[in-house]
PDB file of all heavy atoms in Angstrom:
ATOM      1  N   ASP A   1      -0.507   9.997  12.443  1.00  0.00           N
ATOM      2  CA  ASP A   1      -1.594  10.478  13.252  1.00  0.00           C
ATOM      3  C   ASP A   1      -2.218  11.731  12.697  1.00  0.00           C
ATOM      4  O   ASP A   1      -2.682  12.567  13.441  1.00  0.00           O
ATOM      5  CB  ASP A   1      -1.127  10.686  14.703  1.00  0.00           C
ATOM      6  CG  ASP A   1      -0.536   9.468  15.381  1.00  0.00           C
ATOM      7  OD1 ASP A   1      -1.122   8.393  15.135  1.00  0.00           O
ATOM      8  OD2 ASP A   1       0.531   9.578  16.091  1.00  0.00           O
ATOM      9  N   SER A   2      -2.172  11.854  11.357  1.00  0.00           N
ATOM     10  CA  SER A   2      -2.705  13.059  10.711  1.00  0.00           C
ATOM     11  C   SER A   2      -4.103  13.380  11.074  1.00  0.00           C
ATOM     12  O   SER A   2      -4.962  12.541  11.306  1.00  0.00           O
ATOM     13  CB  SER A   2      -2.601  12.901   9.206  1.00  0.00           C
ATOM     14  OG  SER A   2      -1.265  12.643   8.752  1.00  0.00           O
ATOM     15  N   LEU A   3      -4.335  14.738  11.185  1.00  0.00           N
ATOM     16  CA  LEU A   3      -5.720  15.228  11.343  1.00  0.00           C
ATOM     17  C   LEU A   3      -6.474  15.040  10.138  1.00  0.00           C
ATOM     18  O   LEU A   3      -6.115  15.657   9.113  1.00  0.00           O
ATOM     19  CB  LEU A   3      -5.676  16.609  11.808  1.00  0.00           C
ATOM     20  CG  LEU A   3      -4.871  16.901  13.168  1.00  0.00           C
ATOM     21  CD1 LEU A   3      -4.874  18.441  13.346  1.00  0.00           C
ATOM     22  CD2 LEU A   3      -5.609  16.195  14.334  1.00  0.00           C
ATOM     23  N   GLU A   4      -7.658  14.352  10.134  1.00  0.00           N
ATOM     24  CA  GLU A   4      -8.412  14.056   8.873  1.00  0.00           C
ATOM     25  C   GLU A   4      -9.420  15.327   8.755  1.00  0.00           C
ATOM     26  O   GLU A   4     -10.201  15.557   9.658  1.00  0.00           O
ATOM     27  CB  GLU A   4      -9.188  12.809   8.980  1.00  0.00           C
ATOM     28  CG  GLU A   4      -9.857  12.441   7.710  1.00  0.00           C
ATOM     29  CD  GLU A   4     -10.439  11.093   7.699  1.00  0.00           C
ATOM     30  OE1 GLU A   4     -10.215  10.287   8.720  1.00  0.00           O
ATOM     31  OE2 GLU A   4     -11.153  10.660   6.734  1.00  0.00           O
ATOM     32  N   LEU A   5      -9.388  15.991   7.649  1.00  0.00           N
ATOM     33  CA  LEU A   5     -10.225  17.128   7.444  1.00  0.00           C
ATOM     34  C   LEU A   5     -11.247  16.762   6.383  1.00  0.00           C
ATOM     35  O   LEU A   5     -11.154  15.715   5.683  1.00  0.00           O
ATOM     36  CB  LEU A   5      -9.255  18.362   6.987  1.00  0.00           C
ATOM     37  CG  LEU A   5      -8.213  18.813   7.927  1.00  0.00           C
ATOM     38  CD1 LEU A   5      -7.388  19.849   7.278  1.00  0.00           C
ATOM     39  CD2 LEU A   5      -8.783  19.170   9.221  1.00  0.00           C
ATOM     40  N   PRO A   6     -12.295  17.623   6.206  1.00  0.00           N
ATOM     41  CA  PRO A   6     -13.315  17.400   5.150  1.00  0.00           C
ATOM     42  C   PRO A   6     -12.701  17.294   3.754  1.00  0.00           C
ATOM     43  O   PRO A   6     -11.651  17.784   3.486  1.00  0.00           O
ATOM     44  CB  PRO A   6     -14.304  18.492   5.340  1.00  0.00           C
ATOM     45  CG  PRO A   6     -14.104  18.918   6.711  1.00  0.00           C
ATOM     46  CD  PRO A   6     -12.630  18.781   6.975  1.00  0.00           C
ATOM     47  N   LEU A   7     -13.398  16.728   2.868  1.00  0.00           N
ATOM     48  CA  LEU A   7     -13.001  16.568   1.457  1.00  0.00           C
ATOM     49  C   LEU A   7     -11.747  15.861   1.176  1.00  0.00           C
ATOM     50  O   LEU A   7     -10.969  16.095   0.259  1.00  0.00           O
ATOM     51  CB  LEU A   7     -12.925  18.007   0.824  1.00  0.00           C
ATOM     52  CG  LEU A   7     -14.200  18.922   0.977  1.00  0.00           C
ATOM     53  CD1 LEU A   7     -13.772  20.272   0.340  1.00  0.00           C
ATOM     54  CD2 LEU A   7     -15.308  18.296   0.214  1.00  0.00           C
ATOM     55  N   GLY A   8     -11.484  14.824   2.041  1.00  0.00           N
ATOM     56  CA  GLY A   8     -10.391  14.027   1.801  1.00  0.00           C
ATOM     57  C   GLY A   8      -9.015  14.586   2.026  1.00  0.00           C
ATOM     58  O   GLY A   8      -8.032  14.236   1.513  1.00  0.00           O
ATOM     59  N   SER A   9      -8.957  15.622   2.986  1.00  0.00           N
ATOM     60  CA  SER A   9      -7.664  16.352   3.226  1.00  0.00           C
ATOM     61  C   SER A   9      -7.152  15.936   4.531  1.00  0.00           C
ATOM     62  O   SER A   9      -7.876  15.427   5.486  1.00  0.00           O
ATOM     63  CB  SER A   9      -7.940  17.820   3.209  1.00  0.00           C
ATOM     64  OG  SER A   9      -8.444  18.289   1.981  1.00  0.00           O
ATOM     65  N   TYR A  10      -5.828  16.147   4.730  1.00  0.00           N
ATOM     66  CA  TYR A  10      -5.085  15.791   5.945  1.00  0.00           C
ATOM     67  C   TYR A  10      -4.155  16.898   6.244  1.00  0.00           C
ATOM     68  O   TYR A  10      -3.654  17.627   5.432  1.00  0.00           O
ATOM     69  CB  TYR A  10      -4.330  14.450   5.815  1.00  0.00           C
ATOM     70  CG  TYR A  10      -5.246  13.261   5.525  1.00  0.00           C
ATOM     71  CD1 TYR A  10      -5.575  12.891   4.277  1.00  0.00           C
ATOM     72  CD2 TYR A  10      -5.653  12.461   6.617  1.00  0.00           C
ATOM     73  CE1 TYR A  10      -6.392  11.723   4.042  1.00  0.00           C
ATOM     74  CE2 TYR A  10      -6.498  11.336   6.403  1.00  0.00           C
ATOM     75  CZ  TYR A  10      -6.822  10.971   5.130  1.00  0.00           C
ATOM     76  OH  TYR A  10      -7.579   9.905   4.927  1.00  0.00           O
ATOM     77  N   LEU A  11      -3.946  17.012   7.600  1.00  0.00           N
ATOM     78  CA  LEU A  11      -2.988  18.033   8.125  1.00  0.00           C
ATOM     79  C   LEU A  11      -2.155  17.397   9.176  1.00  0.00           C
ATOM     80  O   LEU A  11      -2.544  16.743  10.089  1.00  0.00           O
ATOM     81  CB  LEU A  11      -3.804  19.143   8.743  1.00  0.00           C
ATOM     82  CG  LEU A  11      -2.941  20.310   9.302  1.00  0.00           C
ATOM     83  CD1 LEU A  11      -2.257  21.068   8.238  1.00  0.00           C
ATOM     84  CD2 LEU A  11      -3.851  21.377  10.013  1.00  0.00           C
ATOM     85  N   ASN A  12      -0.749  17.571   8.918  1.00  0.00           N
ATOM     86  CA  ASN A  12       0.131  17.057   9.916  1.00  0.00           C
ATOM     87  C   ASN A  12       1.429  17.927   9.906  1.00  0.00           C
ATOM     88  O   ASN A  12       1.418  19.018   9.206  1.00  0.00           O
ATOM     89  CB  ASN A  12       0.535  15.529   9.661  1.00  0.00           C
ATOM     90  CG  ASN A  12       1.006  15.377   8.247  1.00  0.00           C
ATOM     91  OD1 ASN A  12       1.899  16.127   7.755  1.00  0.00           O
ATOM     92  ND2 ASN A  12       0.394  14.382   7.454  1.00  0.00           N
ATOM     93  N   ASN A  13       2.458  17.505  10.584  1.00  0.00           N
ATOM     94  CA  ASN A  13       3.626  18.343  10.631  1.00  0.00           C
ATOM     95  C   ASN A  13       4.513  18.361   9.386  1.00  0.00           C
ATOM     96  O   ASN A  13       5.511  19.041   9.238  1.00  0.00           O
ATOM     97  CB  ASN A  13       4.492  18.105  11.848  1.00  0.00           C
ATOM     98  CG  ASN A  13       4.983  16.562  11.844  1.00  0.00           C
ATOM     99  OD1 ASN A  13       4.696  15.827  10.833  1.00  0.00           O
ATOM    100  ND2 ASN A  13       5.591  16.184  12.861  1.00  0.00           N
ATOM    101  N   ARG A  14       4.071  17.568   8.444  1.00  0.00           N
ATOM    102  CA  ARG A  14       4.706  17.540   7.090  1.00  0.00           C
ATOM    103  C   ARG A  14       3.988  18.413   6.036  1.00  0.00           C
ATOM    104  O   ARG A  14       4.385  18.470   4.858  1.00  0.00           O
ATOM    105  CB  ARG A  14       4.853  16.199   6.617  1.00  0.00           C
ATOM    106  CG  ARG A  14       5.720  15.310   7.445  1.00  0.00           C
ATOM    107  CD  ARG A  14       5.991  13.837   6.852  1.00  0.00           C
ATOM    108  NE  ARG A  14       6.719  12.997   7.636  1.00  0.00           N
ATOM    109  CZ  ARG A  14       7.246  11.829   7.347  1.00  0.00           C
ATOM    110  NH1 ARG A  14       6.850  11.331   6.204  1.00  0.00           N
ATOM    111  NH2 ARG A  14       8.008  11.205   8.134  1.00  0.00           N
ATOM    112  N   GLY A  15       2.834  18.982   6.384  1.00  0.00           N
ATOM    113  CA  GLY A  15       2.128  19.900   5.564  1.00  0.00           C
ATOM    114  C   GLY A  15       0.668  19.640   5.447  1.00  0.00           C
ATOM    115  O   GLY A  15       0.127  18.803   6.299  1.00  0.00           O
ATOM    116  N   PHE A  16       0.069  20.177   4.490  1.00  0.00           N
ATOM    117  CA  PHE A  16      -1.370  20.078   4.265  1.00  0.00           C
ATOM    118  C   PHE A  16      -1.629  19.278   2.988  1.00  0.00           C
ATOM    119  O   PHE A  16      -1.165  19.677   1.880  1.00  0.00           O
ATOM    120  CB  PHE A  16      -2.054  21.462   4.100  1.00  0.00           C
ATOM    121  CG  PHE A  16      -3.525  21.398   3.786  1.00  0.00           C
ATOM    122  CD1 PHE A  16      -4.487  20.790   4.543  1.00  0.00           C
ATOM    123  CD2 PHE A  16      -3.906  21.941   2.490  1.00  0.00           C
ATOM    124  CE1 PHE A  16      -5.803  20.780   4.171  1.00  0.00           C
ATOM    125  CE2 PHE A  16      -5.222  21.939   2.124  1.00  0.00           C
ATOM    126  CZ  PHE A  16      -6.161  21.304   2.957  1.00  0.00           C
ATOM    127  N   PHE A  17      -2.179  18.105   3.120  1.00  0.00           N
ATOM    128  CA  PHE A  17      -2.380  17.191   1.963  1.00  0.00           C
ATOM    129  C   PHE A  17      -3.877  17.306   1.502  1.00  0.00           C
ATOM    130  O   PHE A  17      -4.788  17.289   2.326  1.00  0.00           O
ATOM    131  CB  PHE A  17      -2.092  15.693   2.428  1.00  0.00           C
ATOM    132  CG  PHE A  17      -0.727  15.460   2.751  1.00  0.00           C
ATOM    133  CD1 PHE A  17      -0.123  15.888   3.940  1.00  0.00           C
ATOM    134  CD2 PHE A  17       0.151  14.900   1.851  1.00  0.00           C
ATOM    135  CE1 PHE A  17       1.206  15.672   4.299  1.00  0.00           C
ATOM    136  CE2 PHE A  17       1.475  14.636   2.153  1.00  0.00           C
ATOM    137  CZ  PHE A  17       1.975  15.026   3.306  1.00  0.00           C
ATOM    138  N   PHE A  18      -4.056  17.482   0.278  1.00  0.00           N
ATOM    139  CA  PHE A  18      -5.425  17.562  -0.296  1.00  0.00           C
ATOM    140  C   PHE A  18      -5.513  16.911  -1.695  1.00  0.00           C
ATOM    141  O   PHE A  18      -4.481  16.610  -2.315  1.00  0.00           O
ATOM    142  CB  PHE A  18      -5.751  19.100  -0.473  1.00  0.00           C
ATOM    143  CG  PHE A  18      -4.810  19.729  -1.410  1.00  0.00           C
ATOM    144  CD1 PHE A  18      -5.184  19.928  -2.776  1.00  0.00           C
ATOM    145  CD2 PHE A  18      -3.630  20.373  -0.949  1.00  0.00           C
ATOM    146  CE1 PHE A  18      -4.292  20.635  -3.678  1.00  0.00           C
ATOM    147  CE2 PHE A  18      -2.792  21.014  -1.839  1.00  0.00           C
ATOM    148  CZ  PHE A  18      -3.175  21.201  -3.184  1.00  0.00           C
ATOM    149  N   PRO A  19      -6.728  16.547  -2.131  1.00  0.00           N
ATOM    150  CA  PRO A  19      -6.869  15.803  -3.405  1.00  0.00           C
ATOM    151  C   PRO A  19      -6.260  16.612  -4.621  1.00  0.00           C
ATOM    152  O   PRO A  19      -6.480  17.827  -4.694  1.00  0.00           O
ATOM    153  CB  PRO A  19      -8.351  15.686  -3.543  1.00  0.00           C
ATOM    154  CG  PRO A  19      -8.880  15.706  -2.121  1.00  0.00           C
ATOM    155  CD  PRO A  19      -8.040  16.726  -1.424  1.00  0.00           C
ATOM    156  N   LYS A  20      -5.587  15.914  -5.482  1.00  0.00           N
ATOM    157  CA  LYS A  20      -5.039  16.480  -6.658  1.00  0.00           C
ATOM    158  C   LYS A  20      -5.994  16.347  -7.831  1.00  0.00           C
ATOM    159  O   LYS A  20      -6.388  15.187  -8.149  1.00  0.00           O
ATOM    160  CB  LYS A  20      -3.708  15.864  -6.954  1.00  0.00           C
ATOM    161  CG  LYS A  20      -3.019  16.414  -8.221  1.00  0.00           C
ATOM    162  CD  LYS A  20      -1.653  15.622  -8.403  1.00  0.00           C
ATOM    163  CE  LYS A  20      -0.938  16.204  -9.646  1.00  0.00           C
ATOM    164  NZ  LYS A  20       0.285  15.480  -9.849  1.00  0.00           N
ATOM    165  N   PRO A  21      -6.373  17.441  -8.489  1.00  0.00           N
ATOM    166  CA  PRO A  21      -7.273  17.336  -9.583  1.00  0.00           C
ATOM    167  C   PRO A  21      -6.598  16.734 -10.863  1.00  0.00           C
ATOM    168  O   PRO A  21      -5.463  17.090 -11.097  1.00  0.00           O
ATOM    169  CB  PRO A  21      -7.834  18.767  -9.772  1.00  0.00           C
ATOM    170  CG  PRO A  21      -6.592  19.605  -9.240  1.00  0.00           C
ATOM    171  CD  PRO A  21      -6.069  18.893  -8.089  1.00  0.00           C
ATOM    172  N   LEU A  22      -7.268  15.884 -11.484  1.00  0.00           N
ATOM    173  CA  LEU A  22      -6.786  15.313 -12.750  1.00  0.00           C
ATOM    174  C   LEU A  22      -7.817  15.651 -13.842  1.00  0.00           C
ATOM    175  O   LEU A  22      -8.903  15.164 -13.868  1.00  0.00           O
ATOM    176  CB  LEU A  22      -6.613  13.774 -12.618  1.00  0.00           C
ATOM    177  CG  LEU A  22      -5.661  13.308 -11.572  1.00  0.00           C
ATOM    178  CD1 LEU A  22      -5.716  11.808 -11.344  1.00  0.00           C
ATOM    179  CD2 LEU A  22      -4.218  13.764 -11.676  1.00  0.00           C
ATOM    180  N   TRP A  23      -7.347  16.480 -14.742  1.00  0.00           N
ATOM    181  CA  TRP A  23      -8.264  16.986 -15.790  1.00  0.00           C
ATOM    182  C   TRP A  23      -8.168  16.059 -17.052  1.00  0.00           C
ATOM    183  O   TRP A  23      -7.172  15.602 -17.395  1.00  0.00           O
ATOM    184  CB  TRP A  23      -7.871  18.445 -16.188  1.00  0.00           C
ATOM    185  CG  TRP A  23      -7.979  19.395 -15.047  1.00  0.00           C
ATOM    186  CD1 TRP A  23      -7.008  19.774 -14.189  1.00  0.00           C
ATOM    187  CD2 TRP A  23      -9.136  20.067 -14.647  1.00  0.00           C
ATOM    188  NE1 TRP A  23      -7.542  20.705 -13.266  1.00  0.00           N
ATOM    189  CE2 TRP A  23      -8.872  20.755 -13.483  1.00  0.00           C
ATOM    190  CE3 TRP A  23     -10.510  20.053 -15.024  1.00  0.00           C
ATOM    191  CZ2 TRP A  23      -9.802  21.624 -12.800  1.00  0.00           C
ATOM    192  CZ3 TRP A  23     -11.494  20.796 -14.392  1.00  0.00           C
ATOM    193  CH2 TRP A  23     -11.165  21.548 -13.369  1.00  0.00           C
ATOM    194  N   GLY A  24      -9.330  15.958 -17.723  1.00  0.00           N
ATOM    195  CA  GLY A  24      -9.375  15.196 -18.891  1.00  0.00           C
ATOM    196  C   GLY A  24      -9.192  15.976 -20.100  1.00  0.00           C
ATOM    197  O   GLY A  24      -8.748  17.159 -20.099  1.00  0.00           O
ATOM    198  N   GLU A  25      -9.576  15.367 -21.286  1.00  0.00           N
ATOM    199  CA  GLU A  25      -9.376  16.044 -22.517  1.00  0.00           C
ATOM    200  C   GLU A  25     -10.407  17.200 -22.707  1.00  0.00           C
ATOM    201  O   GLU A  25     -11.492  17.145 -22.244  1.00  0.00           O
ATOM    202  CB  GLU A  25      -9.537  15.023 -23.733  1.00  0.00           C
ATOM    203  CG  GLU A  25      -8.520  13.982 -23.780  1.00  0.00           C
ATOM    204  CD  GLU A  25      -8.711  13.038 -24.883  1.00  0.00           C
ATOM    205  OE1 GLU A  25      -9.719  13.272 -25.722  1.00  0.00           O
ATOM    206  OE2 GLU A  25      -7.944  12.079 -25.043  1.00  0.00           O
ATOM    207  N   GLY A  26      -9.926  18.263 -23.399  1.00  0.00           N
ATOM    208  CA  GLY A  26     -10.768  19.323 -23.717  1.00  0.00           C
ATOM    209  C   GLY A  26     -10.968  20.354 -22.561  1.00  0.00           C
ATOM    210  O   GLY A  26     -11.739  21.363 -22.654  1.00  0.00           O
ATOM    211  N   THR A  27     -10.277  20.104 -21.465  1.00  0.00           N
ATOM    212  CA  THR A  27     -10.533  21.056 -20.251  1.00  0.00           C
ATOM    213  C   THR A  27      -9.881  22.453 -20.425  1.00  0.00           C
ATOM    214  O   THR A  27     -10.180  23.290 -19.677  1.00  0.00           O
ATOM    215  CB  THR A  27      -9.889  20.448 -19.008  1.00  0.00           C
ATOM    216  OG1 THR A  27      -8.448  20.093 -19.295  1.00  0.00           O
ATOM    217  CG2 THR A  27     -10.651  19.101 -18.574  1.00  0.00           C
ATOM    218  N   TRP A  28      -9.073  22.600 -21.450  1.00  0.00           N
ATOM    219  CA  TRP A  28      -8.565  23.900 -21.737  1.00  0.00           C
ATOM    220  C   TRP A  28      -9.703  24.906 -22.117  1.00  0.00           C
ATOM    221  O   TRP A  28      -9.524  26.137 -22.022  1.00  0.00           O
ATOM    222  CB  TRP A  28      -7.573  23.861 -22.940  1.00  0.00           C
ATOM    223  CG  TRP A  28      -8.121  23.392 -24.190  1.00  0.00           C
ATOM    224  CD1 TRP A  28      -8.203  22.104 -24.653  1.00  0.00           C
ATOM    225  CD2 TRP A  28      -8.735  24.218 -25.218  1.00  0.00           C
ATOM    226  NE1 TRP A  28      -8.805  22.047 -25.831  1.00  0.00           N
ATOM    227  CE2 TRP A  28      -9.140  23.352 -26.281  1.00  0.00           C
ATOM    228  CE3 TRP A  28      -8.947  25.520 -25.368  1.00  0.00           C
ATOM    229  CZ2 TRP A  28      -9.701  23.794 -27.434  1.00  0.00           C
ATOM    230  CZ3 TRP A  28      -9.554  26.008 -26.567  1.00  0.00           C
ATOM    231  CH2 TRP A  28      -9.956  25.122 -27.490  1.00  0.00           C
ATOM    232  N   LEU A  29     -10.931  24.345 -22.509  1.00  0.00           N
ATOM    233  CA  LEU A  29     -11.917  25.233 -22.820  1.00  0.00           C
ATOM    234  C   LEU A  29     -12.511  25.901 -21.587  1.00  0.00           C
ATOM    235  O   LEU A  29     -13.186  26.962 -21.684  1.00  0.00           O
ATOM    236  CB  LEU A  29     -13.076  24.375 -23.491  1.00  0.00           C
ATOM    237  CG  LEU A  29     -12.803  23.908 -24.903  1.00  0.00           C
ATOM    238  CD1 LEU A  29     -13.864  22.932 -25.376  1.00  0.00           C
ATOM    239  CD2 LEU A  29     -12.522  25.096 -25.912  1.00  0.00           C
TER     240      LEU A  29
END
């Protein structure tokens, strides 16, 4: 029954869930 928040995030008694960024090649720049 998680609370749906903006930007694809959720909040419940297990914590705050949010999108995980996945960086491509060359992002160290």
